[in-house]
Amino acid sequence: MIESLFGTRIKELRNAKGLSQEKFALSIDMDRTYYASVESGKRNISINNISKIAKGLGVSLEELFKGL
């Protein structure tokens, strides 16, 4: 459940920045298919990758998890 909520949250933030999955994944040095599986809630990712996503979106970890 948390994986799905997290995926929805990062998708919302990425879309707000006007970035495609591919462009965003490349900008944070993450494989696009891996990133897509995170957004779809199919991955339980490491804190290191969560941090990469937060930095790429320009938000704190606290903001990234807001509302979850």
N, C-alpha and C. Protein backbone atom coordinates (compact mmCIF):
# COMPACT_ATOMS: atom_id res chain seq x y z
N MET A 1 0.81 -1.20 0.00
CA MET A 1 0.00 0.00 0.00
C MET A 1 0.86 1.26 0.00
N ILE A 2 1.86 1.34 0.87
CA ILE A 2 2.70 2.54 0.93
C ILE A 2 3.45 2.74 -0.38
N GLU A 3 3.82 1.64 -1.05
CA GLU A 3 4.53 1.76 -2.33
C GLU A 3 3.65 2.47 -3.36
N SER A 4 2.37 2.12 -3.37
CA SER A 4 1.43 2.73 -4.30
C SER A 4 1.21 4.21 -3.98
N LEU A 5 1.05 4.53 -2.71
CA LEU A 5 0.87 5.92 -2.29
C LEU A 5 2.11 6.75 -2.62
N PHE A 6 3.28 6.18 -2.37
CA PHE A 6 4.53 6.88 -2.67
C PHE A 6 4.65 7.11 -4.17
N GLY A 7 4.33 6.10 -4.96
CA GLY A 7 4.40 6.23 -6.41
C GLY A 7 3.49 7.33 -6.93
N THR A 8 2.28 7.38 -6.39
CA THR A 8 1.33 8.43 -6.79
C THR A 8 1.87 9.80 -6.41
N ARG A 9 2.45 9.91 -5.24
CA ARG A 9 2.99 11.19 -4.76
C ARG A 9 4.12 11.68 -5.67
N ILE A 10 5.07 10.81 -6.00
CA ILE A 10 6.18 11.28 -6.83
C ILE A 10 5.73 11.57 -8.25
N LYS A 11 4.73 10.85 -8.72
CA LYS A 11 4.20 11.13 -10.05
C LYS A 11 3.57 12.53 -10.08
N GLU A 12 2.81 12.86 -9.04
CA GLU A 12 2.19 14.19 -8.95
C GLU A 12 3.26 15.28 -8.95
N LEU A 13 4.30 15.08 -8.16
CA LEU A 13 5.37 16.09 -8.07
C LEU A 13 6.13 16.20 -9.39
N ARG A 14 6.38 15.08 -10.03
CA ARG A 14 7.10 15.09 -11.32
C ARG A 14 6.25 15.79 -12.38
N ASN A 15 4.96 15.47 -12.43
CA ASN A 15 4.07 16.10 -13.40
C ASN A 15 3.97 17.61 -13.17
N ALA A 16 3.98 18.02 -11.90
CA ALA A 16 3.93 19.45 -11.58
C ALA A 16 5.15 20.19 -12.13
N LYS A 17 6.26 19.47 -12.25
CA LYS A 17 7.49 20.05 -12.81
C LYS A 17 7.49 19.98 -14.34
N GLY A 18 6.51 19.30 -14.91
CA GLY A 18 6.42 19.19 -16.36
C GLY A 18 7.45 18.27 -16.98
N LEU A 19 7.86 17.24 -16.22
CA LEU A 19 8.89 16.32 -16.69
C LEU A 19 8.31 14.96 -17.06
N SER A 20 8.81 14.39 -18.13
CA SER A 20 8.42 13.01 -18.47
C SER A 20 9.17 12.07 -17.53
N GLN A 21 8.69 10.83 -17.45
CA GLN A 21 9.40 9.83 -16.66
C GLN A 21 10.82 9.67 -17.16
N GLU A 22 10.98 9.61 -18.46
CA GLU A 22 12.29 9.38 -19.04
C GLU A 22 13.25 10.52 -18.71
N LYS A 23 12.83 11.76 -18.91
CA LYS A 23 13.71 12.90 -18.63
C LYS A 23 14.06 12.97 -17.16
N PHE A 24 13.06 12.72 -16.30
CA PHE A 24 13.33 12.78 -14.88
C PHE A 24 14.28 11.67 -14.45
N ALA A 25 14.02 10.46 -14.89
CA ALA A 25 14.89 9.33 -14.53
C ALA A 25 16.33 9.59 -14.97
N LEU A 26 16.50 10.09 -16.17
CA LEU A 26 17.85 10.41 -16.66
C LEU A 26 18.50 11.49 -15.80
N SER A 27 17.73 12.48 -15.38
CA SER A 27 18.29 13.59 -14.60
C SER A 27 18.77 13.15 -13.22
N ILE A 28 18.22 12.05 -12.71
CA ILE A 28 18.65 11.56 -11.39
C ILE A 28 19.49 10.29 -11.50
N ASP A 29 19.90 9.99 -12.71
CA ASP A 29 20.76 8.82 -12.95
C ASP A 29 20.11 7.52 -12.49
N MET A 30 18.86 7.34 -12.94
CA MET A 30 18.11 6.14 -12.59
C MET A 30 17.54 5.56 -13.88
N ASP A 31 17.52 4.26 -13.98
CA ASP A 31 16.96 3.60 -15.15
C ASP A 31 15.47 3.94 -15.26
N ARG A 32 15.02 4.28 -16.47
CA ARG A 32 13.64 4.70 -16.67
C ARG A 32 12.65 3.60 -16.30
N THR A 33 12.94 2.37 -16.67
CA THR A 33 12.00 1.29 -16.36
C THR A 33 11.93 1.04 -14.85
N TYR A 34 13.06 1.19 -14.16
CA TYR A 34 13.06 1.06 -12.71
C TYR A 34 12.21 2.18 -12.10
N TYR A 35 12.46 3.41 -12.56
CA TYR A 35 11.70 4.55 -12.04
C TYR A 35 10.20 4.37 -12.30
N ALA A 36 9.84 3.90 -13.49
CA ALA A 36 8.43 3.68 -13.83
C ALA A 36 7.80 2.67 -12.88
N SER A 37 8.55 1.65 -12.51
CA SER A 37 8.02 0.65 -11.59
C SER A 37 7.85 1.22 -10.18
N VAL A 38 8.68 2.20 -9.82
CA VAL A 38 8.51 2.87 -8.52
C VAL A 38 7.23 3.69 -8.55
N GLU A 39 7.02 4.45 -9.61
CA GLU A 39 5.80 5.26 -9.74
C GLU A 39 4.54 4.41 -9.75
N SER A 40 4.62 3.23 -10.30
CA SER A 40 3.44 2.37 -10.36
C SER A 40 3.24 1.56 -9.08
N GLY A 41 4.13 1.76 -8.10
CA GLY A 41 3.97 1.10 -6.80
C GLY A 41 4.42 -0.34 -6.77
N LYS A 42 5.26 -0.74 -7.72
CA LYS A 42 5.71 -2.12 -7.80
C LYS A 42 7.07 -2.36 -7.16
N ARG A 43 7.67 -1.33 -6.59
CA ARG A 43 9.01 -1.46 -5.99
C ARG A 43 9.01 -0.97 -4.56
N ASN A 44 9.77 -1.64 -3.74
CA ASN A 44 10.07 -1.19 -2.39
C ASN A 44 11.51 -0.68 -2.46
N ILE A 45 11.67 0.62 -2.67
CA ILE A 45 12.99 1.15 -2.99
C ILE A 45 13.79 1.54 -1.75
N SER A 46 15.10 1.67 -1.95
CA SER A 46 16.00 2.02 -0.85
C SER A 46 15.92 3.50 -0.51
N ILE A 47 16.36 3.83 0.68
CA ILE A 47 16.39 5.23 1.11
C ILE A 47 17.32 6.05 0.21
N ASN A 48 18.36 5.43 -0.32
CA ASN A 48 19.26 6.15 -1.22
C ASN A 48 18.53 6.60 -2.48
N ASN A 49 17.72 5.73 -3.04
CA ASN A 49 16.96 6.10 -4.24
C ASN A 49 15.84 7.08 -3.91
N ILE A 50 15.25 6.96 -2.74
CA ILE A 50 14.25 7.94 -2.32
C ILE A 50 14.89 9.31 -2.23
N SER A 51 16.09 9.37 -1.68
CA SER A 51 16.81 10.63 -1.57
C SER A 51 17.12 11.22 -2.95
N LYS A 52 17.52 10.38 -3.89
CA LYS A 52 17.78 10.85 -5.26
C LYS A 52 16.53 11.46 -5.88
N ILE A 53 15.40 10.83 -5.65
CA ILE A 53 14.14 11.34 -6.19
C ILE A 53 13.79 12.68 -5.56
N ALA A 54 13.92 12.78 -4.24
CA ALA A 54 13.62 14.04 -3.56
C ALA A 54 14.51 15.17 -4.08
N LYS A 55 15.80 14.90 -4.19
CA LYS A 55 16.72 15.92 -4.70
C LYS A 55 16.38 16.31 -6.13
N GLY A 56 16.05 15.33 -6.94
CA GLY A 56 15.69 15.60 -8.33
C GLY A 56 14.42 16.43 -8.46
N LEU A 57 13.51 16.25 -7.52
CA LEU A 57 12.27 17.02 -7.53
C LEU A 57 12.42 18.36 -6.81
N GLY A 58 13.55 18.55 -6.14
CA GLY A 58 13.80 19.80 -5.42
C GLY A 58 12.97 19.95 -4.17
N VAL A 59 12.70 18.81 -3.51
CA VAL A 59 11.92 18.84 -2.27
C VAL A 59 12.68 18.09 -1.17
N SER A 60 12.33 18.40 0.07
CA SER A 60 12.91 17.68 1.20
C SER A 60 12.26 16.30 1.31
N LEU A 61 12.89 15.42 2.07
CA LEU A 61 12.28 14.11 2.32
C LEU A 61 10.94 14.29 3.03
N GLU A 62 10.89 15.24 3.93
CA GLU A 62 9.64 15.52 4.64
C GLU A 62 8.53 15.89 3.65
N GLU A 63 8.83 16.78 2.71
CA GLU A 63 7.85 17.19 1.72
C GLU A 63 7.46 16.04 0.80
N LEU A 64 8.43 15.21 0.47
CA LEU A 64 8.18 14.07 -0.39
C LEU A 64 7.13 13.13 0.21
N PHE A 65 7.20 12.94 1.52
CA PHE A 65 6.28 12.02 2.19
C PHE A 65 5.03 12.69 2.76
N LYS A 66 4.88 13.99 2.50
CA LYS A 66 3.72 14.72 3.04
C LYS A 66 2.42 14.10 2.54
N GLY A 67 1.55 13.83 3.47
CA GLY A 67 0.23 13.29 3.14
C GLY A 67 0.17 11.79 3.01
N LEU A 68 1.30 11.11 3.18
CA LEU A 68 1.27 9.66 3.08
C LEU A 68 0.99 9.06 4.44
